[in-house]
Amino acid sequence: MDTTVGLRERKKAETRQAVHEAALRLAVEHGLDAVTVEMIVDAANISRRTFSNYFAGKEDAVLYGEEQRIRRLLELVRAQPPGMTAWQALRRSVEEMYHLEGEPVREWAVRTRLARRHPALLDRQLGNLAGLERDLADAIADRESTVPPAVTAAAFLVALRLATHTWTEEDEARTLLDVVDETLALMARPFT
């Protein structure tokens, strides 16, 4: 029974990922307004009903990967050992996430950012980030810090956003982790 449940869950995860990738690719190629759910289901080779079982709309499908990364980051922050300051727990979590997921492809990051410039996606993304900021503040609330948890969480997310933007725009051969480390080190001074 456990094998069947494990296989079923793995197949569901693979389907969600395939639909997300198809939706993101189509949004970059055609613009979100031109993409229909029918185009996505055709590209992912699934039925309309299957799409509806996983996502409420095309915006959900496009943002699925980002939402998964948010959940993973929160899990990693909550799993950090006691005794670490809030900033140390956040930094260690990013490093662990990077090592779990590997180096992203710069072209993919640029294309993803372009797809997310659509107003409907921006609204949803801002809502996701506001939720992440609250959840991160809750996750670090019991950790030592010279700054309130909400300020620490907000500063941390701003640093990640700036580092990612810098990395996608530069022509240097630095890894995303190198740019993130540099940015977090600069931002960390008041928090450590």
C-alpha atoms as a PDB file:
ATOM      1  CA  MET A   1       0.000   0.000   0.000  1.00  0.00           C
ATOM      2  CA  ASP A   2       2.792   2.464   0.890  1.00  0.00           C
ATOM      3  CA  THR A   3       4.450   1.815  -2.475  1.00  0.00           C
ATOM      4  CA  THR A   4       1.228   2.613  -4.321  1.00  0.00           C
ATOM      5  CA  VAL A   5       0.678   5.815  -2.345  1.00  0.00           C
ATOM      6  CA  GLY A   6       4.312   6.852  -2.902  1.00  0.00           C
ATOM      7  CA  LEU A   7       4.075   6.190  -6.639  1.00  0.00           C
ATOM      8  CA  ARG A   8       0.760   8.048  -6.898  1.00  0.00           C
ATOM      9  CA  GLU A   9       2.161  11.093  -5.048  1.00  0.00           C
ATOM     10  CA  ARG A  10       5.308  11.069  -7.192  1.00  0.00           C
ATOM     11  CA  LYS A  11       3.198  10.969 -10.383  1.00  0.00           C
ATOM     12  CA  LYS A  12       1.085  13.873  -9.111  1.00  0.00           C
ATOM     13  CA  ALA A  13       4.223  15.899  -8.369  1.00  0.00           C
ATOM     14  CA  GLU A  14       5.607  15.125 -11.830  1.00  0.00           C
ATOM     15  CA  THR A  15       2.330  16.193 -13.458  1.00  0.00           C
ATOM     16  CA  ARG A  16       2.237  19.467 -11.498  1.00  0.00           C
ATOM     17  CA  GLN A  17       5.824  20.186 -12.496  1.00  0.00           C
ATOM     18  CA  ALA A  18       5.172  19.392 -16.173  1.00  0.00           C
ATOM     19  CA  VAL A  19       2.124  21.669 -16.229  1.00  0.00           C
ATOM     20  CA  HIS A  20       4.100  24.446 -14.510  1.00  0.00           C
ATOM     21  CA  GLU A  21       6.946  24.178 -17.004  1.00  0.00           C
ATOM     22  CA  ALA A  22       4.548  24.200 -19.966  1.00  0.00           C
ATOM     23  CA  ALA A  23       2.670  27.222 -18.587  1.00  0.00           C
ATOM     24  CA  LEU A  24       5.866  29.154 -17.910  1.00  0.00           C
ATOM     25  CA  ARG A  25       7.328  28.367 -21.331  1.00  0.00           C
ATOM     26  CA  LEU A  26       4.126  29.416 -23.102  1.00  0.00           C
ATOM     27  CA  ALA A  27       3.848  32.618 -21.043  1.00  0.00           C
ATOM     28  CA  VAL A  28       7.398  33.590 -22.002  1.00  0.00           C
ATOM     29  CA  GLU A  29       6.904  32.698 -25.671  1.00  0.00           C
ATOM     30  CA  HIS A  30       3.455  34.231 -26.214  1.00  0.00           C
ATOM     31  CA  GLY A  31       2.774  36.526 -23.257  1.00  0.00           C
ATOM     32  CA  LEU A  32       0.389  35.526 -20.495  1.00  0.00           C
ATOM     33  CA  ASP A  33      -2.650  37.186 -22.083  1.00  0.00           C
ATOM     34  CA  ALA A  34      -2.302  35.066 -25.223  1.00  0.00           C
ATOM     35  CA  VAL A  35      -1.941  31.790 -23.308  1.00  0.00           C
ATOM     36  CA  THR A  36      -5.050  29.734 -22.694  1.00  0.00           C
ATOM     37  CA  VAL A  37      -5.546  26.784 -20.410  1.00  0.00           C
ATOM     38  CA  GLU A  38      -6.171  24.719 -23.553  1.00  0.00           C
ATOM     39  CA  MET A  39      -2.697  25.632 -24.836  1.00  0.00           C
ATOM     40  CA  ILE A  40      -1.195  24.567 -21.525  1.00  0.00           C
ATOM     41  CA  VAL A  41      -3.017  21.225 -21.399  1.00  0.00           C
ATOM     42  CA  ASP A  42      -1.978  20.496 -24.979  1.00  0.00           C
ATOM     43  CA  ALA A  43       1.653  21.338 -24.227  1.00  0.00           C
ATOM     44  CA  ALA A  44       1.618  19.235 -21.036  1.00  0.00           C
ATOM     45  CA  ASN A  45      -0.297  16.405 -22.745  1.00  0.00           C
ATOM     46  CA  ILE A  46      -3.047  16.273 -20.121  1.00  0.00           C
ATOM     47  CA  SER A  47      -6.809  16.798 -20.076  1.00  0.00           C
ATOM     48  CA  ARG A  48      -8.582  19.986 -19.045  1.00  0.00           C
ATOM     49  CA  ARG A  49     -10.012  18.116 -16.082  1.00  0.00           C
ATOM     50  CA  THR A  50      -6.541  17.048 -14.955  1.00  0.00           C
ATOM     51  CA  PHE A  51      -5.394  20.666 -15.173  1.00  0.00           C
ATOM     52  CA  SER A  52      -8.329  21.712 -12.982  1.00  0.00           C
ATOM     53  CA  ASN A  53      -7.421  19.041 -10.425  1.00  0.00           C
ATOM     54  CA  TYR A  54      -4.045  20.728  -9.929  1.00  0.00           C
ATOM     55  CA  PHE A  55      -4.505  24.435 -10.642  1.00  0.00           C
ATOM     56  CA  ALA A  56      -7.306  27.002 -10.453  1.00  0.00           C
ATOM     57  CA  GLY A  57      -5.962  28.920 -13.460  1.00  0.00           C
ATOM     58  CA  LYS A  58      -2.985  29.650 -15.657  1.00  0.00           C
ATOM     59  CA  GLU A  59      -1.526  32.122 -13.128  1.00  0.00           C
ATOM     60  CA  ASP A  60      -1.384  29.370 -10.503  1.00  0.00           C
ATOM     61  CA  ALA A  61       0.391  27.098 -12.962  1.00  0.00           C
ATOM     62  CA  VAL A  62       2.982  29.746 -13.866  1.00  0.00           C
ATOM     63  CA  LEU A  63       3.780  30.577 -10.221  1.00  0.00           C
ATOM     64  CA  TYR A  64       3.810  26.984  -8.945  1.00  0.00           C
ATOM     65  CA  GLY A  65       7.617  26.642  -8.992  1.00  0.00           C
ATOM     66  CA  GLU A  66       8.095  29.824  -6.992  1.00  0.00           C
ATOM     67  CA  GLU A  67       5.502  28.737  -4.446  1.00  0.00           C
ATOM     68  CA  GLN A  68       7.298  25.406  -4.021  1.00  0.00           C
ATOM     69  CA  ARG A  69      10.603  27.177  -3.391  1.00  0.00           C
ATOM     70  CA  ILE A  70       8.895  29.378  -0.778  1.00  0.00           C
ATOM     71  CA  ARG A  71       7.601  26.294   1.061  1.00  0.00           C
ATOM     72  CA  ARG A  72      11.027  24.637   0.913  1.00  0.00           C
ATOM     73  CA  LEU A  73      12.757  27.732   2.273  1.00  0.00           C
ATOM     74  CA  LEU A  74      10.308  27.923   5.193  1.00  0.00           C
ATOM     75  CA  GLU A  75      10.844  24.243   6.022  1.00  0.00           C
ATOM     76  CA  LEU A  76      14.608  24.747   6.009  1.00  0.00           C
ATOM     77  CA  VAL A  77      14.416  27.832   8.247  1.00  0.00           C
ATOM     78  CA  ARG A  78      12.220  26.006  10.748  1.00  0.00           C
ATOM     79  CA  ALA A  79      14.620  23.039  10.747  1.00  0.00           C
ATOM     80  CA  GLN A  80      17.705  25.068  11.683  1.00  0.00           C
ATOM     81  CA  PRO A  81      19.221  24.083  15.026  1.00  0.00           C
ATOM     82  CA  PRO A  82      18.553  26.154  18.131  1.00  0.00           C
ATOM     83  CA  GLY A  83      21.275  28.548  19.155  1.00  0.00           C
ATOM     84  CA  MET A  84      21.612  30.136  15.729  1.00  0.00           C
ATOM     85  CA  THR A  85      20.646  33.789  15.457  1.00  0.00           C
ATOM     86  CA  ALA A  86      17.749  34.668  13.180  1.00  0.00           C
ATOM     87  CA  TRP A  87      20.083  35.898  10.443  1.00  0.00           C
ATOM     88  CA  GLN A  88      22.315  32.824  10.690  1.00  0.00           C
ATOM     89  CA  ALA A  89      19.293  30.523  10.366  1.00  0.00           C
ATOM     90  CA  LEU A  90      18.074  32.411   7.290  1.00  0.00           C
ATOM     91  CA  ARG A  91      21.500  32.378   5.630  1.00  0.00           C
ATOM     92  CA  ARG A  92      22.102  28.707   6.343  1.00  0.00           C
ATOM     93  CA  SER A  93      18.677  27.881   4.901  1.00  0.00           C
ATOM     94  CA  VAL A  94      19.489  29.632   1.625  1.00  0.00           C
ATOM     95  CA  GLU A  95      22.797  27.771   1.375  1.00  0.00           C
ATOM     96  CA  GLU A  96      21.081  24.441   2.025  1.00  0.00           C
ATOM     97  CA  MET A  97      18.394  25.213  -0.532  1.00  0.00           C
ATOM     98  CA  TYR A  98      21.027  26.116  -3.109  1.00  0.00           C
ATOM     99  CA  HIS A  99      22.861  22.851  -2.504  1.00  0.00           C
ATOM    100  CA  LEU A 100      19.607  20.869  -2.744  1.00  0.00           C
ATOM    101  CA  GLU A 101      18.424  22.527  -5.950  1.00  0.00           C
ATOM    102  CA  GLY A 102      21.735  23.344  -7.625  1.00  0.00           C
ATOM    103  CA  GLU A 103      22.701  26.364  -9.705  1.00  0.00           C
ATOM    104  CA  PRO A 104      19.773  27.746 -11.692  1.00  0.00           C
ATOM    105  CA  VAL A 105      20.242  28.476 -15.372  1.00  0.00           C
ATOM    106  CA  ARG A 106      20.665  32.236 -15.839  1.00  0.00           C
ATOM    107  CA  GLU A 107      18.609  32.307 -19.057  1.00  0.00           C
ATOM    108  CA  TRP A 108      15.735  30.548 -17.264  1.00  0.00           C
ATOM    109  CA  ALA A 109      15.855  33.141 -14.483  1.00  0.00           C
ATOM    110  CA  VAL A 110      15.722  36.005 -16.979  1.00  0.00           C
ATOM    111  CA  ARG A 111      12.845  34.406 -18.899  1.00  0.00           C
ATOM    112  CA  THR A 112      10.952  33.719 -15.683  1.00  0.00           C
ATOM    113  CA  ARG A 113      11.315  37.335 -14.594  1.00  0.00           C
ATOM    114  CA  LEU A 114      10.011  38.509 -17.966  1.00  0.00           C
ATOM    115  CA  ALA A 115       6.969  36.232 -17.717  1.00  0.00           C
ATOM    116  CA  ARG A 116       6.181  37.568 -14.247  1.00  0.00           C
ATOM    117  CA  ARG A 117       5.917  41.178 -15.369  1.00  0.00           C
ATOM    118  CA  HIS A 118       2.267  40.603 -16.156  1.00  0.00           C
ATOM    119  CA  PRO A 119       0.006  42.529 -13.712  1.00  0.00           C
ATOM    120  CA  ALA A 120      -1.991  39.455 -12.663  1.00  0.00           C
ATOM    121  CA  LEU A 121       1.204  37.585 -11.855  1.00  0.00           C
ATOM    122  CA  LEU A 122       2.758  40.566 -10.093  1.00  0.00           C
ATOM    123  CA  ASP A 123      -0.272  40.898  -7.810  1.00  0.00           C
ATOM    124  CA  ARG A 124      -0.141  37.217  -6.970  1.00  0.00           C
ATOM    125  CA  GLN A 125       3.637  37.269  -6.513  1.00  0.00           C
ATOM    126  CA  LEU A 126       3.455  40.260  -4.157  1.00  0.00           C
ATOM    127  CA  GLY A 127       0.816  38.434  -2.132  1.00  0.00           C
ATOM    128  CA  ASN A 128       3.049  35.363  -1.975  1.00  0.00           C
ATOM    129  CA  LEU A 129       6.001  37.467  -0.829  1.00  0.00           C
ATOM    130  CA  ALA A 130       3.946  39.206   1.851  1.00  0.00           C
ATOM    131  CA  GLY A 131       2.857  35.802   3.141  1.00  0.00           C
ATOM    132  CA  LEU A 132       6.439  34.535   3.053  1.00  0.00           C
ATOM    133  CA  GLU A 133       7.617  37.598   4.960  1.00  0.00           C
ATOM    134  CA  ARG A 134       5.060  36.920   7.728  1.00  0.00           C
ATOM    135  CA  ASP A 135       5.883  33.201   7.815  1.00  0.00           C
ATOM    136  CA  LEU A 136       9.632  33.858   7.956  1.00  0.00           C
ATOM    137  CA  ALA A 137       9.128  36.354  10.782  1.00  0.00           C
ATOM    138  CA  ASP A 138       7.143  33.701  12.694  1.00  0.00           C
ATOM    139  CA  ALA A 139       9.810  31.067  11.969  1.00  0.00           C
ATOM    140  CA  ILE A 140      12.599  33.222  13.436  1.00  0.00           C
ATOM    141  CA  ALA A 141      10.611  34.904  16.219  1.00  0.00           C
ATOM    142  CA  ASP A 142      12.219  32.819  18.975  1.00  0.00           C
ATOM    143  CA  ARG A 143      15.767  33.286  17.706  1.00  0.00           C
ATOM    144  CA  GLU A 144      18.226  35.853  18.980  1.00  0.00           C
ATOM    145  CA  SER A 145      18.297  39.083  17.004  1.00  0.00           C
ATOM    146  CA  THR A 146      18.969  42.752  17.633  1.00  0.00           C
ATOM    147  CA  VAL A 147      16.164  43.624  15.221  1.00  0.00           C
ATOM    148  CA  PRO A 148      12.461  42.669  15.310  1.00  0.00           C
ATOM    149  CA  PRO A 149      11.655  39.459  13.353  1.00  0.00           C
ATOM    150  CA  ALA A 150       9.450  41.273  10.814  1.00  0.00           C
ATOM    151  CA  VAL A 151      12.262  43.687   9.935  1.00  0.00           C
ATOM    152  CA  THR A 152      14.791  40.857   9.702  1.00  0.00           C
ATOM    153  CA  ALA A 153      12.515  38.807   7.421  1.00  0.00           C
ATOM    154  CA  ALA A 154      11.786  41.798   5.172  1.00  0.00           C
ATOM    155  CA  ALA A 155      15.462  42.752   4.899  1.00  0.00           C
ATOM    156  CA  PHE A 156      16.397  39.158   4.125  1.00  0.00           C
ATOM    157  CA  LEU A 157      13.857  38.921   1.296  1.00  0.00           C
ATOM    158  CA  VAL A 158      14.955  42.271  -0.146  1.00  0.00           C
ATOM    159  CA  ALA A 159      18.556  41.043  -0.131  1.00  0.00           C
ATOM    160  CA  LEU A 160      17.556  37.847  -1.961  1.00  0.00           C
ATOM    161  CA  ARG A 161      15.588  39.815  -4.552  1.00  0.00           C
ATOM    162  CA  LEU A 162      18.484  42.234  -5.124  1.00  0.00           C
ATOM    163  CA  ALA A 163      20.989  39.398  -5.396  1.00  0.00           C
ATOM    164  CA  THR A 164      18.852  37.519  -7.897  1.00  0.00           C
ATOM    165  CA  HIS A 165      18.350  40.659  -9.971  1.00  0.00           C
ATOM    166  CA  THR A 166      22.087  41.398  -9.936  1.00  0.00           C
ATOM    167  CA  TRP A 167      22.908  37.822 -10.919  1.00  0.00           C
ATOM    168  CA  THR A 168      20.488  37.769 -13.855  1.00  0.00           C
ATOM    169  CA  GLU A 169      21.716  41.115 -15.162  1.00  0.00           C
ATOM    170  CA  GLU A 170      25.484  40.661 -14.864  1.00  0.00           C
ATOM    171  CA  ASP A 171      27.735  39.010 -17.425  1.00  0.00           C
ATOM    172  CA  GLU A 172      30.200  37.781 -14.836  1.00  0.00           C
ATOM    173  CA  ALA A 173      30.654  34.078 -14.275  1.00  0.00           C
ATOM    174  CA  ARG A 174      29.719  34.178 -10.598  1.00  0.00           C
ATOM    175  CA  THR A 175      27.248  31.677  -9.226  1.00  0.00           C
ATOM    176  CA  LEU A 176      23.955  32.808  -7.790  1.00  0.00           C
ATOM    177  CA  LEU A 177      25.142  31.618  -4.379  1.00  0.00           C
ATOM    178  CA  ASP A 178      28.223  33.855  -4.632  1.00  0.00           C
ATOM    179  CA  VAL A 179      26.051  36.881  -5.388  1.00  0.00           C
ATOM    180  CA  VAL A 180      23.567  35.957  -2.643  1.00  0.00           C
ATOM    181  CA  ASP A 181      26.396  35.514  -0.114  1.00  0.00           C
ATOM    182  CA  GLU A 182      27.885  38.893  -1.006  1.00  0.00           C
ATOM    183  CA  THR A 183      24.528  40.673  -0.790  1.00  0.00           C
ATOM    184  CA  LEU A 184      23.536  38.977   2.467  1.00  0.00           C
ATOM    185  CA  ALA A 185      26.918  39.850   3.992  1.00  0.00           C
ATOM    186  CA  LEU A 186      26.380  43.505   3.149  1.00  0.00           C
ATOM    187  CA  MET A 187      22.825  43.442   4.469  1.00  0.00           C
ATOM    188  CA  ALA A 188      23.752  41.481   7.609  1.00  0.00           C
ATOM    189  CA  ARG A 189      25.776  44.169   9.365  1.00  0.00           C
ATOM    190  CA  PRO A 190      22.879  45.621  11.382  1.00  0.00           C
ATOM    191  CA  PHE A 191      21.380  42.164  12.037  1.00  0.00           C
ATOM    192  CA  THR A 192      24.412  40.360  13.477  1.00  0.00           C
END
